[in-house]
Amino acid sequence: MTAMVNPLPAYQPLAEPAPPVAGGVEIATPFGRLSVEAAGVLTITGGILGFEGCSRFALAPIPKPRLSRFMVLQSIEQPTLSFIVLPVAEGDLLAAADREEAAALLGCAPEDAAFLLMVTVRKEGDRSAMSVNLRAPIVVDTHRRIARQCVLSNNAYSVRHPL
C-alpha cells in the first residue's frame, strides 16, 4: 500500500444547515454537502479530458473514514459532475522526471506541484475494482491554485493501474 500525503489544505464537511462561506463555495457532492474555502477552488486550464467545458472545481476530502485517502473533485459549473481523485506523494507511482515534465507543462516549479490521479471504479462480477490513471495525472500549482490534466509522454504508465 502506498503512503498518502494530502498535498492541499484540509476542508471540513458542512453541518446542516450550511453556514455561509466567506469567499468560498458550498457544494453538493455524491458524498454529501461540503463547504470549501476559496483556497480549495481550482481552475483547471483546458478542463478534464472529455469534460473540457468545465474549468472550475472544488477539491475536498471525502467525508467517509473508509475513503479518507481519496478526495472529491467537484465541478462548480456542473453540479452533477464530480470525480474521485487520489493525491500522490512525491516518489509514489510517478517518476521524478515525469513529475518535472508535468510541472513544466503547467508552468510551475516541481516543488510547488501536487499530483492527483483520476480514480475509476468498475463492477467486476459481485465486487468492485478500483484503478487510477497514471498516464494522465492532474498537476496542481499549489501557490496559484491552477491545475492541468497532463498526458505524460512516458507511455509505460497504465491508464488502469489497479489499487
N, C-alpha and C. Protein backbone atom coordinates (compact mmCIF):
# COMPACT_ATOMS: atom_id res chain seq x y z
N MET A 1 0.85 -1.19 0.00
CA MET A 1 0.00 0.00 0.00
C MET A 1 0.88 1.24 0.00
N THR A 2 0.50 2.23 -0.72
CA THR A 2 1.26 3.46 -0.88
C THR A 2 0.91 4.44 0.22
N ALA A 3 1.93 5.06 0.81
CA ALA A 3 1.68 6.09 1.82
C ALA A 3 1.15 7.33 1.12
N MET A 4 0.07 7.88 1.65
CA MET A 4 -0.56 9.03 1.01
C MET A 4 -0.27 10.30 1.82
N VAL A 5 -0.04 11.37 1.13
CA VAL A 5 0.13 12.68 1.74
C VAL A 5 -0.88 13.61 1.10
N ASN A 6 -1.65 14.30 1.92
CA ASN A 6 -2.60 15.26 1.38
C ASN A 6 -1.83 16.53 1.06
N PRO A 7 -1.58 16.82 -0.25
CA PRO A 7 -0.75 17.96 -0.60
C PRO A 7 -1.47 19.30 -0.50
N LEU A 8 -2.76 19.28 -0.23
CA LEU A 8 -3.54 20.51 -0.19
C LEU A 8 -4.22 20.64 1.17
N PRO A 9 -4.66 21.83 1.54
CA PRO A 9 -5.25 22.03 2.86
C PRO A 9 -6.49 21.17 3.07
N ALA A 10 -6.75 20.84 4.33
CA ALA A 10 -7.93 20.05 4.68
C ALA A 10 -9.17 20.93 4.69
N TYR A 11 -10.31 20.35 4.34
CA TYR A 11 -11.58 21.07 4.33
C TYR A 11 -12.57 20.30 5.17
N GLN A 12 -13.46 21.00 5.82
CA GLN A 12 -14.41 20.38 6.73
C GLN A 12 -15.76 20.18 6.09
N PRO A 13 -16.41 19.01 6.33
CA PRO A 13 -17.76 18.82 5.81
C PRO A 13 -18.73 19.76 6.51
N LEU A 14 -19.80 20.12 5.81
CA LEU A 14 -20.82 21.01 6.38
C LEU A 14 -21.66 20.29 7.41
N ALA A 15 -22.03 21.01 8.41
CA ALA A 15 -23.10 20.54 9.30
C ALA A 15 -24.39 21.11 8.73
N GLU A 16 -25.51 20.47 8.95
CA GLU A 16 -26.78 21.01 8.44
C GLU A 16 -27.37 21.92 9.50
N PRO A 17 -27.96 23.07 9.20
CA PRO A 17 -27.93 23.72 7.90
C PRO A 17 -26.55 24.31 7.62
N ALA A 18 -26.25 24.55 6.36
CA ALA A 18 -24.94 25.02 5.96
C ALA A 18 -24.73 26.47 6.35
N PRO A 19 -23.61 26.77 7.04
CA PRO A 19 -23.30 28.17 7.35
C PRO A 19 -22.78 28.86 6.10
N PRO A 20 -22.88 30.19 6.04
CA PRO A 20 -22.32 30.89 4.88
C PRO A 20 -20.80 30.71 4.84
N VAL A 21 -20.25 30.72 3.65
CA VAL A 21 -18.81 30.55 3.48
C VAL A 21 -18.27 31.84 2.88
N ALA A 22 -17.51 32.58 3.66
CA ALA A 22 -16.93 33.83 3.17
C ALA A 22 -15.86 33.52 2.15
N GLY A 23 -16.07 33.93 0.91
CA GLY A 23 -15.08 33.73 -0.13
C GLY A 23 -14.95 32.29 -0.60
N GLY A 24 -15.84 31.41 -0.17
CA GLY A 24 -15.77 30.02 -0.57
C GLY A 24 -17.00 29.59 -1.31
N VAL A 25 -17.25 28.30 -1.32
CA VAL A 25 -18.37 27.75 -2.05
C VAL A 25 -18.95 26.57 -1.28
N GLU A 26 -20.27 26.45 -1.34
CA GLU A 26 -20.95 25.27 -0.82
C GLU A 26 -21.24 24.37 -2.00
N ILE A 27 -20.96 23.09 -1.86
CA ILE A 27 -21.20 22.18 -2.97
C ILE A 27 -21.90 20.93 -2.48
N ALA A 28 -22.76 20.41 -3.32
CA ALA A 28 -23.39 19.12 -3.06
C ALA A 28 -22.59 18.09 -3.85
N THR A 29 -22.14 17.06 -3.17
CA THR A 29 -21.36 16.01 -3.82
C THR A 29 -22.08 14.68 -3.61
N PRO A 30 -21.68 13.64 -4.30
CA PRO A 30 -22.27 12.32 -4.05
C PRO A 30 -22.03 11.84 -2.61
N PHE A 31 -21.14 12.52 -1.89
CA PHE A 31 -20.82 12.13 -0.52
C PHE A 31 -21.43 13.07 0.51
N GLY A 32 -22.30 13.96 0.07
CA GLY A 32 -22.95 14.92 0.97
C GLY A 32 -22.52 16.34 0.64
N ARG A 33 -23.10 17.28 1.39
CA ARG A 33 -22.78 18.70 1.20
C ARG A 33 -21.44 19.01 1.84
N LEU A 34 -20.64 19.80 1.13
CA LEU A 34 -19.34 20.21 1.63
C LEU A 34 -19.20 21.72 1.51
N SER A 35 -18.42 22.28 2.40
CA SER A 35 -18.07 23.69 2.34
C SER A 35 -16.59 23.76 2.01
N VAL A 36 -16.27 24.47 0.95
CA VAL A 36 -14.88 24.56 0.52
C VAL A 36 -14.49 26.03 0.51
N GLU A 37 -13.42 26.34 1.21
CA GLU A 37 -12.92 27.71 1.24
C GLU A 37 -12.37 28.06 -0.14
N ALA A 38 -12.20 29.34 -0.38
CA ALA A 38 -11.71 29.80 -1.69
C ALA A 38 -10.40 29.13 -2.07
N ALA A 39 -9.55 28.83 -1.09
CA ALA A 39 -8.28 28.18 -1.38
C ALA A 39 -8.45 26.76 -1.91
N GLY A 40 -9.62 26.18 -1.73
CA GLY A 40 -9.89 24.83 -2.22
C GLY A 40 -10.51 24.79 -3.60
N VAL A 41 -10.66 25.96 -4.22
CA VAL A 41 -11.23 26.03 -5.56
C VAL A 41 -10.08 26.12 -6.56
N LEU A 42 -10.11 25.24 -7.54
CA LEU A 42 -9.07 25.18 -8.56
C LEU A 42 -9.62 25.57 -9.92
N THR A 43 -8.79 26.20 -10.71
CA THR A 43 -9.10 26.42 -12.12
C THR A 43 -8.27 25.43 -12.91
N ILE A 44 -8.94 24.53 -13.61
CA ILE A 44 -8.24 23.53 -14.41
C ILE A 44 -8.21 24.02 -15.85
N THR A 45 -7.04 24.48 -16.26
CA THR A 45 -6.89 25.02 -17.61
C THR A 45 -7.11 23.90 -18.62
N GLY A 46 -7.98 24.15 -19.57
CA GLY A 46 -8.30 23.14 -20.57
C GLY A 46 -9.30 22.11 -20.10
N GLY A 47 -9.70 22.17 -18.85
CA GLY A 47 -10.66 21.22 -18.31
C GLY A 47 -10.07 19.83 -18.14
N ILE A 48 -10.96 18.88 -17.93
CA ILE A 48 -10.58 17.46 -17.77
C ILE A 48 -10.89 16.78 -19.10
N LEU A 49 -10.04 15.86 -19.51
CA LEU A 49 -10.25 15.16 -20.77
C LEU A 49 -11.67 14.63 -20.87
N GLY A 50 -12.36 15.03 -21.92
CA GLY A 50 -13.75 14.63 -22.11
C GLY A 50 -14.75 15.60 -21.50
N PHE A 51 -14.27 16.52 -20.67
CA PHE A 51 -15.13 17.50 -19.98
C PHE A 51 -14.50 18.88 -20.07
N GLU A 52 -14.01 19.24 -21.25
CA GLU A 52 -13.26 20.46 -21.44
C GLU A 52 -14.06 21.73 -21.14
N GLY A 53 -15.37 21.67 -21.17
CA GLY A 53 -16.20 22.84 -20.91
C GLY A 53 -16.25 23.27 -19.45
N CYS A 54 -15.75 22.46 -18.56
CA CYS A 54 -15.75 22.78 -17.12
C CYS A 54 -14.32 23.05 -16.67
N SER A 55 -14.12 24.19 -16.03
CA SER A 55 -12.76 24.52 -15.59
C SER A 55 -12.66 24.87 -14.12
N ARG A 56 -13.78 25.10 -13.44
CA ARG A 56 -13.74 25.46 -12.01
C ARG A 56 -14.20 24.27 -11.18
N PHE A 57 -13.31 23.83 -10.29
CA PHE A 57 -13.59 22.65 -9.48
C PHE A 57 -13.23 22.94 -8.03
N ALA A 58 -14.01 22.35 -7.14
CA ALA A 58 -13.70 22.39 -5.71
C ALA A 58 -13.06 21.05 -5.36
N LEU A 59 -12.03 21.10 -4.56
CA LEU A 59 -11.32 19.89 -4.14
C LEU A 59 -11.49 19.74 -2.64
N ALA A 60 -12.01 18.60 -2.22
CA ALA A 60 -12.26 18.38 -0.78
C ALA A 60 -12.10 16.90 -0.45
N PRO A 61 -11.75 16.60 0.80
CA PRO A 61 -11.68 15.20 1.21
C PRO A 61 -13.06 14.57 1.19
N ILE A 62 -13.10 13.29 0.94
CA ILE A 62 -14.37 12.57 1.01
C ILE A 62 -14.67 12.34 2.49
N PRO A 63 -15.83 12.77 2.96
CA PRO A 63 -16.13 12.71 4.38
C PRO A 63 -16.59 11.33 4.87
N LYS A 64 -15.92 10.29 4.44
CA LYS A 64 -16.20 8.93 4.90
C LYS A 64 -14.87 8.33 5.33
N PRO A 65 -14.75 7.92 6.58
CA PRO A 65 -13.46 7.43 7.09
C PRO A 65 -12.82 6.33 6.24
N ARG A 66 -13.61 5.43 5.70
CA ARG A 66 -13.01 4.34 4.92
C ARG A 66 -12.47 4.80 3.57
N LEU A 67 -12.83 6.02 3.16
CA LEU A 67 -12.36 6.58 1.90
C LEU A 67 -11.44 7.78 2.12
N SER A 68 -10.85 7.88 3.29
CA SER A 68 -10.11 9.08 3.69
C SER A 68 -8.87 9.36 2.83
N ARG A 69 -8.35 8.38 2.14
CA ARG A 69 -7.17 8.66 1.30
C ARG A 69 -7.55 9.29 -0.04
N PHE A 70 -8.85 9.31 -0.35
CA PHE A 70 -9.33 9.88 -1.61
C PHE A 70 -9.90 11.28 -1.38
N MET A 71 -10.06 12.00 -2.49
CA MET A 71 -10.70 13.32 -2.45
C MET A 71 -11.74 13.38 -3.55
N VAL A 72 -12.66 14.33 -3.43
CA VAL A 72 -13.64 14.56 -4.49
C VAL A 72 -13.27 15.86 -5.20
N LEU A 73 -13.30 15.79 -6.52
CA LEU A 73 -13.06 16.95 -7.37
C LEU A 73 -14.41 17.26 -8.00
N GLN A 74 -15.08 18.27 -7.48
CA GLN A 74 -16.46 18.59 -7.83
C GLN A 74 -16.53 19.82 -8.72
N SER A 75 -17.18 19.68 -9.87
CA SER A 75 -17.36 20.82 -10.76
C SER A 75 -18.26 21.86 -10.08
N ILE A 76 -17.86 23.10 -10.15
CA ILE A 76 -18.69 24.19 -9.64
C ILE A 76 -19.70 24.58 -10.71
N GLU A 77 -19.34 24.42 -11.97
CA GLU A 77 -20.21 24.82 -13.08
C GLU A 77 -21.30 23.81 -13.38
N GLN A 78 -21.02 22.52 -13.16
CA GLN A 78 -21.99 21.45 -13.41
C GLN A 78 -22.13 20.61 -12.15
N PRO A 79 -23.14 20.84 -11.35
CA PRO A 79 -23.26 20.15 -10.07
C PRO A 79 -23.31 18.62 -10.16
N THR A 80 -23.68 18.08 -11.32
CA THR A 80 -23.75 16.62 -11.45
C THR A 80 -22.42 16.00 -11.85
N LEU A 81 -21.38 16.82 -12.05
CA LEU A 81 -20.08 16.31 -12.49
C LEU A 81 -19.09 16.32 -11.34
N SER A 82 -18.63 15.14 -10.96
CA SER A 82 -17.60 15.04 -9.93
C SER A 82 -16.72 13.83 -10.22
N PHE A 83 -15.53 13.87 -9.68
CA PHE A 83 -14.56 12.80 -9.86
C PHE A 83 -13.97 12.43 -8.52
N ILE A 84 -13.63 11.17 -8.37
CA ILE A 84 -12.85 10.73 -7.22
C ILE A 84 -11.40 10.80 -7.67
N VAL A 85 -10.55 11.42 -6.84
CA VAL A 85 -9.13 11.53 -7.16
C VAL A 85 -8.31 11.03 -5.98
N LEU A 86 -7.09 10.63 -6.30
CA LEU A 86 -6.17 10.12 -5.30
C LEU A 86 -4.92 11.00 -5.30
N PRO A 87 -4.67 11.76 -4.21
CA PRO A 87 -3.42 12.52 -4.13
C PRO A 87 -2.24 11.55 -4.02
N VAL A 88 -1.15 11.85 -4.69
CA VAL A 88 0.04 11.01 -4.58
C VAL A 88 1.20 11.83 -4.07
N ALA A 89 1.95 11.22 -3.17
CA ALA A 89 3.11 11.89 -2.58
C ALA A 89 4.30 11.77 -3.52
N GLU A 90 5.28 12.63 -3.29
CA GLU A 90 6.50 12.59 -4.10
C GLU A 90 7.12 11.21 -4.01
N GLY A 91 7.49 10.68 -5.15
CA GLY A 91 8.11 9.36 -5.19
C GLY A 91 7.13 8.22 -5.33
N ASP A 92 5.82 8.47 -5.14
CA ASP A 92 4.81 7.42 -5.25
C ASP A 92 4.28 7.36 -6.67
N LEU A 93 4.41 6.25 -7.31
CA LEU A 93 3.78 5.91 -8.59
C LEU A 93 4.30 6.67 -9.80
N LEU A 94 4.72 7.91 -9.66
CA LEU A 94 5.20 8.72 -10.79
C LEU A 94 6.68 9.05 -10.59
N ALA A 95 7.47 8.78 -11.62
CA ALA A 95 8.91 9.06 -11.55
C ALA A 95 9.17 10.57 -11.49
N ALA A 96 10.29 10.94 -10.91
CA ALA A 96 10.65 12.35 -10.76
C ALA A 96 10.69 13.07 -12.11
N ALA A 97 11.24 12.43 -13.13
CA ALA A 97 11.33 13.07 -14.44
C ALA A 97 9.94 13.36 -15.01
N ASP A 98 9.00 12.45 -14.77
CA ASP A 98 7.63 12.65 -15.27
C ASP A 98 6.90 13.72 -14.47
N ARG A 99 7.17 13.82 -13.18
CA ARG A 99 6.61 14.90 -12.36
C ARG A 99 7.12 16.25 -12.86
N GLU A 100 8.42 16.29 -13.16
CA GLU A 100 9.01 17.54 -13.66
C GLU A 100 8.41 17.92 -15.01
N GLU A 101 8.19 16.94 -15.88
CA GLU A 101 7.56 17.21 -17.18
C GLU A 101 6.17 17.80 -16.99
N ALA A 102 5.37 17.21 -16.11
CA ALA A 102 4.01 17.70 -15.87
C ALA A 102 4.02 19.10 -15.26
N ALA A 103 4.92 19.34 -14.31
CA ALA A 103 5.02 20.66 -13.69
C ALA A 103 5.40 21.70 -14.75
N ALA A 104 6.31 21.34 -15.65
CA ALA A 104 6.72 22.27 -16.71
C ALA A 104 5.56 22.58 -17.65
N LEU A 105 4.72 21.59 -17.95
CA LEU A 105 3.56 21.83 -18.80
C LEU A 105 2.59 22.83 -18.17
N LEU A 106 2.53 22.82 -16.83
CA LEU A 106 1.67 23.76 -16.12
C LEU A 106 2.38 25.10 -15.89
N GLY A 107 3.70 25.10 -15.99
CA GLY A 107 4.45 26.33 -15.78
C GLY A 107 4.74 26.60 -14.32
N CYS A 108 4.96 25.54 -13.55
CA CYS A 108 5.30 25.73 -12.14
C CYS A 108 6.53 24.91 -11.78
N ALA A 109 7.14 25.26 -10.68
CA ALA A 109 8.30 24.53 -10.19
C ALA A 109 7.85 23.17 -9.65
N PRO A 110 8.63 22.12 -9.84
CA PRO A 110 8.24 20.80 -9.34
C PRO A 110 7.93 20.78 -7.84
N GLU A 111 8.63 21.59 -7.08
CA GLU A 111 8.37 21.60 -5.62
C GLU A 111 7.04 22.28 -5.28
N ASP A 112 6.44 23.02 -6.21
CA ASP A 112 5.15 23.66 -6.00
C ASP A 112 4.00 22.84 -6.56
N ALA A 113 4.30 21.67 -7.11
CA ALA A 113 3.28 20.85 -7.77
C ALA A 113 2.78 19.74 -6.85
N ALA A 114 1.47 19.55 -6.89
CA ALA A 114 0.82 18.41 -6.23
C ALA A 114 0.16 17.60 -7.34
N PHE A 115 0.02 16.30 -7.13
CA PHE A 115 -0.50 15.42 -8.18
C PHE A 115 -1.72 14.67 -7.71
N LEU A 116 -2.73 14.65 -8.57
CA LEU A 116 -3.97 13.93 -8.32
C LEU A 116 -4.15 12.92 -9.45
N LEU A 117 -4.55 11.71 -9.09
CA LEU A 117 -4.83 10.68 -10.08
C LEU A 117 -6.32 10.43 -10.14
N MET A 118 -6.85 10.35 -11.34
CA MET A 118 -8.28 10.07 -11.54
C MET A 118 -8.53 8.60 -11.20
N VAL A 119 -9.57 8.37 -10.39
CA VAL A 119 -9.93 7.02 -9.95
C VAL A 119 -11.12 6.53 -10.76
N THR A 120 -11.06 5.28 -11.16
CA THR A 120 -12.19 4.62 -11.83
C THR A 120 -12.63 3.46 -10.96
N VAL A 121 -13.93 3.34 -10.75
CA VAL A 121 -14.50 2.21 -10.00
C VAL A 121 -15.36 1.42 -10.98
N ARG A 122 -15.05 0.13 -11.12
CA ARG A 122 -15.79 -0.74 -12.04
C ARG A 122 -16.34 -1.94 -11.28
N LYS A 123 -17.47 -2.40 -11.73
CA LYS A 123 -18.04 -3.64 -11.21
C LYS A 123 -17.38 -4.81 -11.93
N GLU A 124 -16.87 -5.74 -11.19
CA GLU A 124 -16.30 -6.98 -11.74
C GLU A 124 -16.98 -8.13 -11.02
N GLY A 125 -18.02 -8.64 -11.66
CA GLY A 125 -18.80 -9.69 -11.00
C GLY A 125 -19.57 -9.12 -9.83
N ASP A 126 -19.36 -9.69 -8.66
CA ASP A 126 -20.07 -9.23 -7.47
C ASP A 126 -19.23 -8.29 -6.60
N ARG A 127 -18.10 -7.84 -7.12
CA ARG A 127 -17.27 -6.91 -6.35
C ARG A 127 -16.88 -5.71 -7.21
N SER A 128 -16.31 -4.72 -6.57
CA SER A 128 -15.86 -3.51 -7.26
C SER A 128 -14.34 -3.52 -7.36
N ALA A 129 -13.84 -3.04 -8.47
CA ALA A 129 -12.40 -2.90 -8.67
C ALA A 129 -12.09 -1.43 -8.90
N MET A 130 -11.00 -0.97 -8.31
CA MET A 130 -10.60 0.42 -8.44
C MET A 130 -9.25 0.50 -9.14
N SER A 131 -9.13 1.51 -10.00
CA SER A 131 -7.85 1.75 -10.67
C SER A 131 -7.64 3.26 -10.79
N VAL A 132 -6.40 3.64 -11.07
CA VAL A 132 -6.08 5.05 -11.29
C VAL A 132 -5.41 5.20 -12.65
N ASN A 133 -5.56 6.38 -13.22
CA ASN A 133 -4.95 6.70 -14.49
C ASN A 133 -3.59 7.35 -14.21
N LEU A 134 -2.52 6.56 -14.39
CA LEU A 134 -1.17 7.10 -14.18
C LEU A 134 -0.68 7.91 -15.37
N ARG A 135 -1.26 7.66 -16.52
CA ARG A 135 -0.79 8.30 -17.76
C ARG A 135 -1.21 9.76 -17.85
N ALA A 136 -2.35 10.13 -17.22
CA ALA A 136 -2.85 11.50 -17.34
C ALA A 136 -3.19 12.07 -15.96
N PRO A 137 -2.16 12.35 -15.14
CA PRO A 137 -2.43 12.93 -13.82
C PRO A 137 -2.87 14.39 -13.94
N ILE A 138 -3.49 14.86 -12.89
CA ILE A 138 -3.80 16.29 -12.78
C ILE A 138 -2.69 16.88 -11.92
N VAL A 139 -1.99 17.86 -12.47
CA VAL A 139 -0.94 18.55 -11.72
C VAL A 139 -1.52 19.87 -11.24
N VAL A 140 -1.29 20.17 -9.95
CA VAL A 140 -1.83 21.37 -9.32
C VAL A 140 -0.69 22.26 -8.87
N ASP A 141 -0.73 23.51 -9.29
CA ASP A 141 0.20 24.51 -8.77
C ASP A 141 -0.40 24.97 -7.45
N THR A 142 0.20 24.55 -6.36
CA THR A 142 -0.38 24.80 -5.03
C THR A 142 -0.35 26.27 -4.63
N HIS A 143 0.47 27.07 -5.28
CA HIS A 143 0.52 28.50 -4.96
C HIS A 143 -0.52 29.30 -5.75
N ARG A 144 -0.63 29.02 -7.04
CA ARG A 144 -1.55 29.78 -7.88
C ARG A 144 -2.94 29.17 -7.94
N ARG A 145 -3.12 27.95 -7.42
CA ARG A 145 -4.41 27.24 -7.40
C ARG A 145 -4.94 27.02 -8.81
N ILE A 146 -4.02 26.75 -9.73
CA ILE A 146 -4.42 26.35 -11.07
C ILE A 146 -3.95 24.92 -11.28
N ALA A 147 -4.59 24.24 -12.21
CA ALA A 147 -4.25 22.85 -12.45
C ALA A 147 -4.39 22.54 -13.93
N ARG A 148 -3.87 21.39 -14.31
CA ARG A 148 -3.99 20.94 -15.69
C ARG A 148 -3.88 19.42 -15.70
N GLN A 149 -4.70 18.78 -16.49
CA GLN A 149 -4.55 17.35 -16.68
C GLN A 149 -3.52 17.17 -17.78
N CYS A 150 -2.45 16.47 -17.48
CA CYS A 150 -1.34 16.31 -18.40
C CYS A 150 -1.24 14.86 -18.86
N VAL A 151 -1.19 14.65 -20.16
CA VAL A 151 -0.92 13.32 -20.69
C VAL A 151 0.59 13.21 -20.81
N LEU A 152 1.17 12.33 -19.99
CA LEU A 152 2.62 12.19 -19.96
C LEU A 152 3.14 11.52 -21.21
N SER A 153 4.33 11.90 -21.64
CA SER A 153 4.93 11.31 -22.83
C SER A 153 5.45 9.90 -22.56
N ASN A 154 5.65 9.54 -21.31
CA ASN A 154 6.12 8.21 -20.93
C ASN A 154 4.95 7.22 -21.06
N ASN A 155 4.97 6.42 -22.12
CA ASN A 155 3.85 5.51 -22.35
C ASN A 155 3.94 4.22 -21.54
N ALA A 156 4.87 4.15 -20.61
CA ALA A 156 4.95 2.98 -19.72
C ALA A 156 3.86 3.00 -18.65
N TYR A 157 3.22 4.15 -18.46
CA TYR A 157 2.18 4.27 -17.44
C TYR A 157 0.85 3.73 -17.95
N SER A 158 0.17 3.03 -17.06
CA SER A 158 -1.12 2.46 -17.38
C SER A 158 -2.24 3.47 -17.13
N VAL A 159 -3.30 3.39 -17.92
CA VAL A 159 -4.49 4.20 -17.64
C VAL A 159 -5.41 3.46 -16.68
N ARG A 160 -5.08 2.20 -16.36
CA ARG A 160 -5.86 1.40 -15.41
C ARG A 160 -4.94 0.69 -14.43
N HIS A 161 -4.19 1.46 -13.67
CA HIS A 161 -3.29 0.90 -12.65
C HIS A 161 -4.14 0.47 -11.46
N PRO A 162 -4.14 -0.82 -11.12
CA PRO A 162 -5.02 -1.29 -10.04
C PRO A 162 -4.60 -0.75 -8.67
N LEU A 163 -5.59 -0.48 -7.84
CA LEU A 163 -5.33 -0.07 -6.45
C LEU A 163 -5.48 -1.26 -5.53
